[in-house]
Amino acid sequence: MTRKSPAPETIKAWGRLMRVSRQLVERTEDALKAGGLPPLAWYDVLHELAEAGEGGLRPFELIDRVLLAQYNVSRLLARLEAEGLVEKLPVSDDGRGQTVRITPAGRETRRHIWAVYGASIADLMGDKLSAKELGTLAGLLGRLRDPPITE
């Protein structure tokens, strides 16, 4: 099997994508911390559970939707449950299965996090790129997803 070497422009784009991604997340995390709010991972999980509605999600479904590894999701769910932000419910047809659902307190926490997170997105991206540039960027990044996003 022959291994392909990336072209110089591919290496340059990869490096910038990785550095900018890390920088944007770090600055957002800093803004959340300064606001006395939980980390971004909490928002990610609470958002997906809120989007799922009253039925909630099974943990394996949640893992497919968030940016965290399975063991991190399990620990985070335990922490969110201890804080009263999510609840775990038994699945009637699966004795060992659980569904995770956001609580009203979780919805409120999500709203507080979004106030800072949304402002951070606006500051870090929306104020620096035009609507057309943002659309182009979203389209290009969507093509890198597996499977590609074509919206």
N, C-alpha and C. Protein backbone atom coordinates (compact mmCIF):
# COMPACT_ATOMS: atom_id res chain seq x y z
N MET A 1 0.84 -1.19 0.00
CA MET A 1 0.00 0.00 0.00
C MET A 1 0.89 1.25 0.00
N THR A 2 0.62 2.13 -0.91
CA THR A 2 1.37 3.39 -0.97
C THR A 2 0.68 4.43 -0.10
N ARG A 3 1.49 5.12 0.63
CA ARG A 3 0.94 6.19 1.47
C ARG A 3 1.05 7.50 0.72
N LYS A 4 -0.04 8.26 0.78
CA LYS A 4 -0.04 9.56 0.13
C LYS A 4 0.56 10.59 1.08
N SER A 5 1.31 11.49 0.53
CA SER A 5 1.81 12.62 1.30
C SER A 5 0.94 13.82 0.96
N PRO A 6 0.59 14.60 1.98
CA PRO A 6 -0.25 15.78 1.69
C PRO A 6 0.54 16.86 0.96
N ALA A 7 -0.17 17.57 0.13
CA ALA A 7 0.42 18.70 -0.58
C ALA A 7 0.70 19.82 0.42
N PRO A 8 1.66 20.68 0.13
CA PRO A 8 2.00 21.78 1.06
C PRO A 8 0.79 22.64 1.43
N GLU A 9 -0.09 22.91 0.46
CA GLU A 9 -1.27 23.74 0.78
C GLU A 9 -2.23 23.00 1.70
N THR A 10 -2.25 21.66 1.62
CA THR A 10 -3.07 20.86 2.52
C THR A 10 -2.52 20.94 3.94
N ILE A 11 -1.22 20.84 4.06
CA ILE A 11 -0.57 20.94 5.38
C ILE A 11 -0.82 22.32 5.99
N LYS A 12 -0.70 23.36 5.18
CA LYS A 12 -0.92 24.72 5.66
C LYS A 12 -2.36 24.90 6.14
N ALA A 13 -3.32 24.42 5.34
CA ALA A 13 -4.74 24.54 5.71
C ALA A 13 -5.03 23.75 6.98
N TRP A 14 -4.49 22.54 7.08
CA TRP A 14 -4.69 21.70 8.26
C TRP A 14 -4.16 22.40 9.51
N GLY A 15 -2.95 22.91 9.43
CA GLY A 15 -2.35 23.59 10.57
C GLY A 15 -3.17 24.78 11.03
N ARG A 16 -3.61 25.57 10.08
CA ARG A 16 -4.44 26.73 10.44
C ARG A 16 -5.77 26.31 11.04
N LEU A 17 -6.40 25.29 10.45
CA LEU A 17 -7.67 24.81 10.97
C LEU A 17 -7.52 24.34 12.41
N MET A 18 -6.49 23.57 12.69
CA MET A 18 -6.26 23.06 14.04
C MET A 18 -5.98 24.20 15.03
N ARG A 19 -5.10 25.12 14.65
CA ARG A 19 -4.75 26.22 15.56
C ARG A 19 -5.93 27.15 15.80
N VAL A 20 -6.63 27.52 14.73
CA VAL A 20 -7.77 28.42 14.88
C VAL A 20 -8.89 27.75 15.68
N SER A 21 -9.14 26.50 15.41
CA SER A 21 -10.17 25.77 16.16
C SER A 21 -9.85 25.77 17.65
N ARG A 22 -8.62 25.42 17.99
CA ARG A 22 -8.22 25.42 19.40
C ARG A 22 -8.34 26.81 20.01
N GLN A 23 -7.90 27.81 19.29
CA GLN A 23 -7.94 29.18 19.78
C GLN A 23 -9.38 29.65 20.02
N LEU A 24 -10.28 29.35 19.09
CA LEU A 24 -11.67 29.77 19.25
C LEU A 24 -12.31 29.09 20.45
N VAL A 25 -12.04 27.81 20.63
CA VAL A 25 -12.60 27.09 21.77
C VAL A 25 -12.01 27.62 23.07
N GLU A 26 -10.70 27.83 23.10
CA GLU A 26 -10.06 28.37 24.32
C GLU A 26 -10.63 29.73 24.70
N ARG A 27 -10.80 30.60 23.73
CA ARG A 27 -11.35 31.93 24.03
C ARG A 27 -12.80 31.85 24.51
N THR A 28 -13.55 30.93 23.94
CA THR A 28 -14.93 30.74 24.39
C THR A 28 -14.95 30.19 25.80
N GLU A 29 -14.10 29.21 26.07
CA GLU A 29 -14.00 28.64 27.43
C GLU A 29 -13.60 29.73 28.43
N ASP A 30 -12.67 30.60 28.05
CA ASP A 30 -12.27 31.71 28.92
C ASP A 30 -13.44 32.63 29.23
N ALA A 31 -14.25 32.93 28.21
CA ALA A 31 -15.42 33.80 28.41
C ALA A 31 -16.43 33.14 29.35
N LEU A 32 -16.64 31.85 29.18
CA LEU A 32 -17.57 31.13 30.07
C LEU A 32 -17.05 31.14 31.51
N LYS A 33 -15.76 30.87 31.66
CA LYS A 33 -15.17 30.85 33.00
C LYS A 33 -15.27 32.23 33.65
N ALA A 34 -14.99 33.28 32.87
CA ALA A 34 -15.09 34.65 33.40
C ALA A 34 -16.51 34.97 33.83
N GLY A 35 -17.49 34.35 33.18
CA GLY A 35 -18.89 34.56 33.53
C GLY A 35 -19.37 33.64 34.65
N GLY A 36 -18.45 32.85 35.21
CA GLY A 36 -18.81 31.93 36.27
C GLY A 36 -19.69 30.78 35.80
N LEU A 37 -19.53 30.40 34.54
CA LEU A 37 -20.36 29.37 33.93
C LEU A 37 -19.59 28.08 33.71
N PRO A 38 -20.32 26.97 33.57
CA PRO A 38 -19.66 25.69 33.30
C PRO A 38 -18.99 25.67 31.93
N PRO A 39 -18.15 24.66 31.70
CA PRO A 39 -17.44 24.56 30.41
C PRO A 39 -18.36 24.28 29.23
N LEU A 40 -17.81 24.47 28.06
CA LEU A 40 -18.53 24.32 26.80
C LEU A 40 -19.11 22.91 26.63
N ALA A 41 -18.45 21.90 27.13
CA ALA A 41 -18.96 20.53 27.01
C ALA A 41 -20.34 20.40 27.64
N TRP A 42 -20.57 21.12 28.73
CA TRP A 42 -21.89 21.09 29.37
C TRP A 42 -22.94 21.60 28.40
N TYR A 43 -22.63 22.71 27.72
CA TYR A 43 -23.59 23.26 26.77
C TYR A 43 -23.87 22.26 25.66
N ASP A 44 -22.82 21.65 25.14
CA ASP A 44 -22.96 20.71 24.04
C ASP A 44 -23.95 19.60 24.41
N VAL A 45 -23.78 19.01 25.58
CA VAL A 45 -24.67 17.92 26.01
C VAL A 45 -26.08 18.46 26.28
N LEU A 46 -26.19 19.55 27.00
CA LEU A 46 -27.51 20.12 27.30
C LEU A 46 -28.24 20.52 26.03
N HIS A 47 -27.52 21.07 25.07
CA HIS A 47 -28.13 21.46 23.80
C HIS A 47 -28.71 20.25 23.07
N GLU A 48 -27.92 19.20 22.96
CA GLU A 48 -28.40 18.01 22.25
C GLU A 48 -29.60 17.39 22.95
N LEU A 49 -29.60 17.39 24.27
CA LEU A 49 -30.74 16.84 25.01
C LEU A 49 -31.97 17.73 24.85
N ALA A 50 -31.77 19.03 24.84
CA ALA A 50 -32.90 19.95 24.64
C ALA A 50 -33.48 19.76 23.23
N GLU A 51 -32.62 19.61 22.24
CA GLU A 51 -33.07 19.40 20.87
C GLU A 51 -33.82 18.08 20.71
N ALA A 52 -33.48 17.10 21.53
CA ALA A 52 -34.12 15.78 21.44
C ALA A 52 -35.55 15.81 21.97
N GLY A 53 -35.90 16.82 22.75
CA GLY A 53 -37.25 16.93 23.28
C GLY A 53 -37.47 16.07 24.52
N GLU A 54 -38.73 15.90 24.86
CA GLU A 54 -39.10 15.20 26.09
C GLU A 54 -38.66 13.74 26.11
N GLY A 55 -38.50 13.14 24.94
CA GLY A 55 -38.08 11.75 24.89
C GLY A 55 -36.63 11.52 25.28
N GLY A 56 -35.84 12.60 25.25
CA GLY A 56 -34.44 12.48 25.59
C GLY A 56 -33.67 11.64 24.60
N LEU A 57 -32.50 11.21 25.01
CA LEU A 57 -31.63 10.39 24.16
C LEU A 57 -31.04 9.26 24.98
N ARG A 58 -30.78 8.17 24.32
CA ARG A 58 -30.01 7.10 24.95
C ARG A 58 -28.56 7.58 24.96
N PRO A 59 -27.77 7.16 25.94
CA PRO A 59 -26.37 7.61 26.00
C PRO A 59 -25.59 7.37 24.71
N PHE A 60 -25.79 6.23 24.05
CA PHE A 60 -25.07 5.97 22.79
C PHE A 60 -25.48 6.95 21.70
N GLU A 61 -26.73 7.40 21.71
CA GLU A 61 -27.17 8.40 20.73
C GLU A 61 -26.51 9.74 21.02
N LEU A 62 -26.39 10.08 22.29
CA LEU A 62 -25.76 11.33 22.69
C LEU A 62 -24.29 11.34 22.29
N ILE A 63 -23.61 10.22 22.48
CA ILE A 63 -22.19 10.11 22.13
C ILE A 63 -21.99 10.39 20.65
N ASP A 64 -22.92 9.95 19.81
CA ASP A 64 -22.82 10.18 18.36
C ASP A 64 -23.00 11.65 18.00
N ARG A 65 -23.61 12.43 18.88
CA ARG A 65 -23.94 13.82 18.55
C ARG A 65 -22.99 14.85 19.14
N VAL A 66 -22.21 14.48 20.14
CA VAL A 66 -21.35 15.47 20.81
C VAL A 66 -19.88 15.24 20.43
N LEU A 67 -19.04 16.16 20.84
CA LEU A 67 -17.64 16.14 20.47
C LEU A 67 -16.76 15.44 21.51
N LEU A 68 -17.35 14.68 22.39
CA LEU A 68 -16.61 14.06 23.48
C LEU A 68 -16.49 12.56 23.29
N ALA A 69 -15.46 11.98 23.89
CA ALA A 69 -15.28 10.53 23.88
C ALA A 69 -16.29 9.90 24.83
N GLN A 70 -16.58 8.62 24.62
CA GLN A 70 -17.59 7.92 25.41
C GLN A 70 -17.35 8.04 26.91
N TYR A 71 -16.12 7.80 27.36
CA TYR A 71 -15.86 7.85 28.79
C TYR A 71 -16.06 9.25 29.36
N ASN A 72 -15.79 10.28 28.56
CA ASN A 72 -16.03 11.65 29.01
C ASN A 72 -17.52 11.94 29.11
N VAL A 73 -18.31 11.41 28.17
CA VAL A 73 -19.75 11.62 28.21
C VAL A 73 -20.34 10.96 29.45
N SER A 74 -19.90 9.75 29.75
CA SER A 74 -20.42 9.05 30.93
C SER A 74 -20.15 9.84 32.20
N ARG A 75 -18.93 10.32 32.35
CA ARG A 75 -18.58 11.12 33.54
C ARG A 75 -19.35 12.43 33.58
N LEU A 76 -19.47 13.08 32.43
CA LEU A 76 -20.18 14.35 32.38
C LEU A 76 -21.66 14.16 32.70
N LEU A 77 -22.27 13.10 32.19
CA LEU A 77 -23.67 12.83 32.50
C LEU A 77 -23.87 12.61 34.00
N ALA A 78 -22.94 11.92 34.63
CA ALA A 78 -23.03 11.71 36.08
C ALA A 78 -22.96 13.06 36.80
N ARG A 79 -22.08 13.92 36.35
CA ARG A 79 -21.94 15.25 36.97
C ARG A 79 -23.20 16.10 36.74
N LEU A 80 -23.71 16.09 35.52
CA LEU A 80 -24.92 16.86 35.20
C LEU A 80 -26.12 16.33 35.99
N GLU A 81 -26.18 15.03 36.17
CA GLU A 81 -27.27 14.45 36.97
C GLU A 81 -27.14 14.87 38.43
N ALA A 82 -25.93 14.85 38.97
CA ALA A 82 -25.70 15.28 40.35
C ALA A 82 -26.08 16.74 40.56
N GLU A 83 -25.91 17.55 39.52
CA GLU A 83 -26.26 18.98 39.57
C GLU A 83 -27.75 19.21 39.32
N GLY A 84 -28.48 18.15 38.98
CA GLY A 84 -29.92 18.28 38.71
C GLY A 84 -30.25 18.83 37.34
N LEU A 85 -29.28 18.77 36.40
CA LEU A 85 -29.48 19.36 35.08
C LEU A 85 -30.01 18.34 34.06
N VAL A 86 -29.81 17.06 34.35
CA VAL A 86 -30.36 15.99 33.53
C VAL A 86 -30.92 14.92 34.46
N GLU A 87 -31.78 14.10 33.90
CA GLU A 87 -32.29 12.96 34.65
C GLU A 87 -32.17 11.72 33.78
N LYS A 88 -31.90 10.60 34.44
CA LYS A 88 -31.81 9.33 33.73
C LYS A 88 -33.07 8.54 34.03
N LEU A 89 -33.68 8.06 32.96
CA LEU A 89 -34.93 7.31 33.08
C LEU A 89 -34.73 5.91 32.51
N PRO A 90 -35.34 4.90 33.14
CA PRO A 90 -35.20 3.55 32.60
C PRO A 90 -35.93 3.41 31.28
N VAL A 91 -35.44 2.53 30.43
CA VAL A 91 -36.08 2.22 29.15
C VAL A 91 -36.92 0.98 29.39
N SER A 92 -38.21 1.07 29.10
CA SER A 92 -39.15 -0.01 29.44
C SER A 92 -38.81 -1.34 28.79
N ASP A 93 -38.34 -1.33 27.55
CA ASP A 93 -38.08 -2.60 26.88
C ASP A 93 -36.62 -3.05 26.97
N ASP A 94 -35.83 -2.36 27.78
CA ASP A 94 -34.41 -2.70 27.95
C ASP A 94 -34.07 -2.53 29.43
N GLY A 95 -34.01 -3.61 30.15
CA GLY A 95 -33.80 -3.58 31.59
C GLY A 95 -32.56 -2.83 32.04
N ARG A 96 -31.53 -2.82 31.21
CA ARG A 96 -30.30 -2.13 31.59
C ARG A 96 -30.18 -0.75 30.94
N GLY A 97 -31.03 -0.46 29.99
CA GLY A 97 -30.92 0.79 29.24
C GLY A 97 -31.49 1.99 29.97
N GLN A 98 -30.99 3.14 29.60
CA GLN A 98 -31.46 4.40 30.17
C GLN A 98 -31.65 5.42 29.05
N THR A 99 -32.55 6.34 29.33
CA THR A 99 -32.71 7.52 28.50
C THR A 99 -32.31 8.70 29.36
N VAL A 100 -31.63 9.65 28.76
CA VAL A 100 -31.22 10.85 29.48
C VAL A 100 -32.05 12.00 28.95
N ARG A 101 -32.60 12.78 29.87
CA ARG A 101 -33.45 13.91 29.50
C ARG A 101 -33.02 15.15 30.27
N ILE A 102 -33.07 16.29 29.62
CA ILE A 102 -32.74 17.56 30.26
C ILE A 102 -33.86 17.94 31.22
N THR A 103 -33.50 18.55 32.34
CA THR A 103 -34.48 19.02 33.33
C THR A 103 -34.73 20.51 33.12
N PRO A 104 -35.75 21.06 33.76
CA PRO A 104 -35.93 22.52 33.68
C PRO A 104 -34.69 23.30 34.15
N ALA A 105 -34.02 22.82 35.18
CA ALA A 105 -32.79 23.49 35.63
C ALA A 105 -31.72 23.40 34.55
N GLY A 106 -31.68 22.29 33.84
CA GLY A 106 -30.74 22.13 32.73
C GLY A 106 -31.04 23.10 31.60
N ARG A 107 -32.32 23.30 31.32
CA ARG A 107 -32.70 24.26 30.27
C ARG A 107 -32.28 25.68 30.67
N GLU A 108 -32.45 26.00 31.93
CA GLU A 108 -32.07 27.34 32.42
C GLU A 108 -30.55 27.51 32.35
N THR A 109 -29.80 26.51 32.76
CA THR A 109 -28.34 26.57 32.68
C THR A 109 -27.89 26.73 31.23
N ARG A 110 -28.53 25.99 30.36
CA ARG A 110 -28.21 26.10 28.92
C ARG A 110 -28.43 27.53 28.43
N ARG A 111 -29.53 28.15 28.84
CA ARG A 111 -29.80 29.54 28.43
C ARG A 111 -28.71 30.49 28.93
N HIS A 112 -28.27 30.30 30.17
CA HIS A 112 -27.22 31.16 30.73
C HIS A 112 -25.90 30.97 29.98
N ILE A 113 -25.57 29.72 29.69
CA ILE A 113 -24.34 29.46 28.95
C ILE A 113 -24.43 30.07 27.55
N TRP A 114 -25.59 29.92 26.90
CA TRP A 114 -25.73 30.43 25.54
C TRP A 114 -25.56 31.94 25.47
N ALA A 115 -25.98 32.65 26.50
CA ALA A 115 -25.84 34.11 26.48
C ALA A 115 -24.37 34.50 26.28
N VAL A 116 -23.47 33.79 26.92
CA VAL A 116 -22.04 34.07 26.78
C VAL A 116 -21.47 33.40 25.54
N TYR A 117 -21.86 32.16 25.30
CA TYR A 117 -21.36 31.40 24.16
C TYR A 117 -21.76 32.07 22.85
N GLY A 118 -23.01 32.47 22.72
CA GLY A 118 -23.47 33.14 21.51
C GLY A 118 -22.74 34.45 21.25
N ALA A 119 -22.53 35.22 22.32
CA ALA A 119 -21.79 36.47 22.18
C ALA A 119 -20.35 36.19 21.75
N SER A 120 -19.78 35.11 22.27
CA SER A 120 -18.42 34.73 21.92
C SER A 120 -18.34 34.37 20.43
N ILE A 121 -19.31 33.62 19.94
CA ILE A 121 -19.34 33.27 18.51
C ILE A 121 -19.42 34.53 17.66
N ALA A 122 -20.29 35.45 18.07
CA ALA A 122 -20.43 36.70 17.32
C ALA A 122 -19.12 37.48 17.31
N ASP A 123 -18.47 37.58 18.47
CA ASP A 123 -17.21 38.32 18.57
C ASP A 123 -16.09 37.67 17.78
N LEU A 124 -15.98 36.36 17.89
CA LEU A 124 -14.83 35.65 17.32
C LEU A 124 -14.96 35.35 15.83
N MET A 125 -16.20 35.27 15.35
CA MET A 125 -16.39 34.94 13.93
C MET A 125 -17.27 35.93 13.20
N GLY A 126 -18.44 36.16 13.74
CA GLY A 126 -19.43 36.99 13.06
C GLY A 126 -18.98 38.41 12.80
N ASP A 127 -18.15 38.94 13.70
CA ASP A 127 -17.66 40.30 13.52
C ASP A 127 -16.44 40.37 12.60
N LYS A 128 -15.88 39.22 12.24
CA LYS A 128 -14.65 39.21 11.45
C LYS A 128 -14.84 38.75 10.01
N LEU A 129 -15.95 38.06 9.76
CA LEU A 129 -16.21 37.55 8.41
C LEU A 129 -17.58 38.03 7.94
N SER A 130 -17.71 38.25 6.66
CA SER A 130 -19.00 38.66 6.09
C SER A 130 -19.93 37.45 6.07
N ALA A 131 -21.20 37.71 5.83
CA ALA A 131 -22.18 36.62 5.72
C ALA A 131 -21.80 35.68 4.59
N LYS A 132 -21.32 36.23 3.49
CA LYS A 132 -20.91 35.40 2.35
C LYS A 132 -19.70 34.54 2.72
N GLU A 133 -18.72 35.14 3.40
CA GLU A 133 -17.54 34.39 3.82
C GLU A 133 -17.91 33.28 4.81
N LEU A 134 -18.82 33.59 5.72
CA LEU A 134 -19.27 32.58 6.68
C LEU A 134 -19.97 31.42 5.97
N GLY A 135 -20.77 31.74 4.97
CA GLY A 135 -21.44 30.70 4.18
C GLY A 135 -20.43 29.82 3.44
N THR A 136 -19.43 30.46 2.87
CA THR A 136 -18.38 29.71 2.16
C THR A 136 -17.63 28.81 3.13
N LEU A 137 -17.26 29.36 4.29
CA LEU A 137 -16.54 28.58 5.30
C LEU A 137 -17.38 27.39 5.77
N ALA A 138 -18.64 27.63 6.07
CA ALA A 138 -19.52 26.55 6.51
C ALA A 138 -19.63 25.46 5.43
N GLY A 139 -19.73 25.87 4.18
CA GLY A 139 -19.82 24.91 3.09
C GLY A 139 -18.55 24.08 2.95
N LEU A 140 -17.41 24.74 3.03
CA LEU A 140 -16.14 24.03 2.92
C LEU A 140 -15.95 23.04 4.08
N LEU A 141 -16.23 23.50 5.29
CA LEU A 141 -16.08 22.61 6.45
C LEU A 141 -17.08 21.46 6.38
N GLY A 142 -18.27 21.74 5.88
CA GLY A 142 -19.27 20.68 5.72
C GLY A 142 -18.80 19.58 4.80
N ARG A 143 -18.02 19.94 3.79
CA ARG A 143 -17.50 18.95 2.85
C ARG A 143 -16.45 18.06 3.49
N LEU A 144 -15.83 18.52 4.58
CA LEU A 144 -14.81 17.72 5.27
C LEU A 144 -15.42 16.72 6.24
N ARG A 145 -16.69 16.89 6.57
CA ARG A 145 -17.37 15.97 7.49
C ARG A 145 -17.58 14.61 6.85
N ASP A 146 -17.73 13.61 7.68
CA ASP A 146 -18.01 12.26 7.19
C ASP A 146 -19.27 11.77 7.86
N PRO A 147 -20.38 11.67 7.18
CA PRO A 147 -20.59 12.00 5.78
C PRO A 147 -20.67 13.51 5.58
N PRO A 148 -20.39 13.97 4.38
CA PRO A 148 -20.42 15.40 4.09
C PRO A 148 -21.80 16.03 4.38
N ILE A 149 -21.76 17.27 4.81
CA ILE A 149 -22.97 18.06 5.02
C ILE A 149 -23.13 18.93 3.80
N THR A 150 -24.29 18.88 3.17
CA THR A 150 -24.47 19.64 1.93
C THR A 150 -25.50 20.75 2.04
N GLU A 151 -25.82 21.17 3.26
CA GLU A 151 -26.83 22.23 3.43
C GLU A 151 -26.24 23.57 3.08
